[in-house]
Each structure stands twice: as C-alpha cells, then as structure tokens.
C-alpha cells in the first residue's frame, strides 16, 4: 500500500511525492492508487478547510504526511483497509464539521463557515400542525 524505494513518477505536487509515489507489490496497485487518491484528497481538503491559517495548514500537512509515512511499510490487507477507512473518515469530518473562527475581541469570536457548510434554516415546531380531515 505505502511507498517503497522504487518511486513511480506521478502528477503529485511537492508534498505528495515523498510518501506516495511507488507502491509495494504485496499490497497491490489498487490499494496503492486508493492511498494516493486519499492522500491527495486530504491535502486538498486541508487547503480548503484551513485557508489563510498558516499554522493550521502546516500542522495538518505534517500530520497527514506523518501518518502516511508511519504506515508506508504496512502489508496486512486488513490493516490497510482499516487505514484507508480512517483516512476517508478524517477527510469527511474535516470537510463537513470544521469551521474557522477568529477572535475579534477578548470575548467575541467571528465564525467563518465555508459556503458548502451552510444549509437552509428549517424552523422547528414544538407542536405538530394538525391536518384537516375533509
């Protein structure tokens, strides 16, 4: 699943080349392609979610790279599937649950939700409306 010393050329940016180029034969190319896809997706999501926050961008970049590097020699199919599931879940959580906030005053925080997180506000009714029977 994870890269070995025989690196393939790829269309990755600088950050992905080091850890996700060639894939070990034991894990199979399909899992390697999935790992590469998730690696790239996590970095794209990181750039969108933490836009304009250099500290968060760098911390997320380091964490993503560290996790992929720490598991680059994994050969167990079961463990590889588990790691891919975790990577996928993390991407979904980042994309759907994280919003940026900025301290504007000592006791005020300005939330900066992305447009894709905003939803129509549907009012909640404590009492159900009665249906008229004819």
Protein backbone atom coordinates (compact mmCIF):
# COMPACT_ATOMS: atom_id res chain seq x y z
CA UNK A 1 0.00 0.00 0.00
CA UNK A 2 2.54 2.57 1.03
CA UNK A 3 5.52 3.71 -0.98
CA UNK A 4 8.66 1.66 -1.37
CA UNK A 5 12.05 2.73 -2.66
CA UNK A 6 11.08 2.24 -6.31
CA UNK A 7 9.25 5.53 -6.87
CA UNK A 8 6.98 5.90 -9.86
CA UNK A 9 6.62 9.27 -11.48
CA UNK A 10 3.32 10.91 -10.70
CA UNK A 11 1.44 14.13 -11.15
CA UNK A 12 1.53 14.94 -7.44
CA UNK A 13 2.57 18.27 -6.04
CA UNK A 14 5.69 18.57 -3.89
CA UNK A 15 4.03 17.43 -0.67
CA UNK A 16 2.81 14.09 -2.01
CA UNK A 17 5.87 12.93 -3.90
CA UNK A 18 7.91 11.87 -0.93
CA UNK A 19 5.46 9.44 0.64
CA UNK A 20 3.02 8.29 -2.02
CA UNK A 21 4.83 7.59 -5.27
CA UNK A 22 5.63 3.91 -5.75
CA UNK A 23 3.59 1.19 -4.11
CA UNK A 24 4.70 -2.11 -2.65
CA UNK A 25 3.86 -5.17 -4.73
CA UNK A 26 2.48 -7.07 -1.71
CA UNK A 27 -0.39 -4.64 -1.21
CA UNK A 28 -1.34 -4.38 -4.85
CA UNK A 29 -1.64 -1.43 -7.15
CA UNK A 30 -5.37 -0.92 -6.47
CA UNK A 31 -4.80 -0.21 -2.76
CA UNK A 32 -1.83 1.96 -3.64
CA UNK A 33 -3.94 4.01 -6.02
CA UNK A 34 -6.59 4.38 -3.31
CA UNK A 35 -3.93 5.52 -0.82
CA UNK A 36 -2.62 8.05 -3.33
CA UNK A 37 -6.15 9.31 -4.05
CA UNK A 38 -6.88 9.74 -0.33
CA UNK A 39 -3.51 11.37 0.32
CA UNK A 40 -4.15 13.96 -2.37
CA UNK A 41 -7.77 14.45 -1.27
CA UNK A 42 -6.74 15.01 2.36
CA UNK A 43 -4.26 17.68 1.27
CA UNK A 44 -6.83 19.42 -0.95
CA UNK A 45 -9.38 19.34 1.87
CA UNK A 46 -6.78 20.66 4.31
CA UNK A 47 -6.05 23.60 1.99
CA UNK A 48 -9.75 24.44 1.70
CA UNK A 49 -10.70 23.97 5.37
CA UNK A 50 -7.73 25.86 6.84
CA UNK A 51 -7.47 28.51 4.12
CA UNK A 52 -5.48 31.59 5.28
CA UNK A 53 -4.48 29.89 8.57
CA UNK A 54 -0.80 29.09 8.12
CA UNK A 55 -0.38 27.39 11.50
CA UNK A 56 -3.32 25.05 10.96
CA UNK A 57 -2.30 24.38 7.35
CA UNK A 58 1.21 23.39 8.39
CA UNK A 59 0.05 21.29 11.36
CA UNK A 60 -2.44 19.40 9.16
CA UNK A 61 0.19 18.90 6.43
CA UNK A 62 2.65 17.47 8.93
CA UNK A 63 0.04 15.16 10.47
CA UNK A 64 -1.13 13.80 7.10
CA UNK A 65 2.44 13.20 5.94
CA UNK A 66 3.41 11.64 9.29
CA UNK A 67 0.51 9.18 9.27
CA UNK A 68 1.21 8.06 5.70
CA UNK A 69 4.93 7.76 6.40
CA UNK A 70 4.38 5.77 9.62
CA UNK A 71 2.29 3.22 7.72
CA UNK A 72 4.22 3.07 4.45
CA UNK A 73 5.51 -0.46 5.04
CA UNK A 74 2.15 -1.98 6.06
CA UNK A 75 1.41 -5.21 4.15
CA UNK A 76 -1.61 -6.64 6.00
CA UNK A 77 -4.69 -6.34 3.78
CA UNK A 78 -6.95 -5.98 6.82
CA UNK A 79 -4.81 -3.22 8.37
CA UNK A 80 -4.50 -1.44 5.01
CA UNK A 81 -8.29 -1.42 4.60
CA UNK A 82 -8.66 -0.07 8.14
CA UNK A 83 -6.13 2.71 7.45
CA UNK A 84 -7.86 3.65 4.20
CA UNK A 85 -11.21 3.81 6.02
CA UNK A 86 -9.71 6.06 8.71
CA UNK A 87 -8.21 8.38 6.07
CA UNK A 88 -11.56 8.58 4.29
CA UNK A 89 -13.43 9.28 7.54
CA UNK A 90 -10.97 12.01 8.53
CA UNK A 91 -11.46 13.72 5.17
CA UNK A 92 -15.25 13.67 5.58
CA UNK A 93 -15.03 15.05 9.12
CA UNK A 94 -12.69 17.84 8.05
CA UNK A 95 -14.88 18.76 5.10
CA UNK A 96 -18.23 18.64 6.92
CA UNK A 97 -17.53 19.56 10.54
CA UNK A 98 -14.65 22.03 10.77
CA UNK A 99 -15.20 25.78 10.54
CA UNK A 100 -12.74 28.59 11.08
CA UNK A 101 -13.13 31.10 13.89
CA UNK A 102 -11.29 34.36 14.54
CA UNK A 103 -11.01 36.19 17.86
CA UNK A 104 -12.29 39.70 17.14
CA UNK A 105 -12.31 40.90 20.73
CA UNK A 106 -11.45 39.49 24.13
CA UNK A 107 -14.92 37.99 24.44
CA UNK A 108 -16.03 37.69 20.81
CA UNK A 109 -15.37 35.12 18.11
CA UNK A 110 -16.26 35.53 14.46
CA UNK A 111 -17.20 32.24 12.75
CA UNK A 112 -16.18 31.87 9.11
CA UNK A 113 -18.18 28.94 7.71
CA UNK A 114 -17.47 27.86 4.15
CA UNK A 115 -20.35 28.19 1.70
CA UNK A 116 -20.60 24.42 1.27
CA UNK A 117 -21.33 24.06 5.02
CA UNK A 118 -24.23 26.48 5.07
CA UNK A 119 -27.68 24.95 4.84
CA UNK A 120 -31.17 26.33 4.61
CA UNK A 121 -32.65 27.02 8.00
CA UNK A 122 -35.73 24.88 8.53
CA UNK A 123 -37.82 26.04 11.50
CA UNK A 124 -38.50 23.59 14.30
CA UNK A 125 -42.05 23.30 15.60
CA UNK A 126 -42.67 22.10 19.15
CA UNK A 127 -46.27 21.25 18.36
CA UNK A 128 -47.09 19.36 15.22
CA UNK A 129 -49.56 21.06 12.94
CA UNK A 130 -53.00 19.46 12.78
CA UNK A 131 -54.10 18.05 9.49
CA UNK A 132 -57.58 18.95 8.45
CA UNK A 133 -59.75 16.00 7.55
CA UNK A 134 -62.41 16.53 4.95
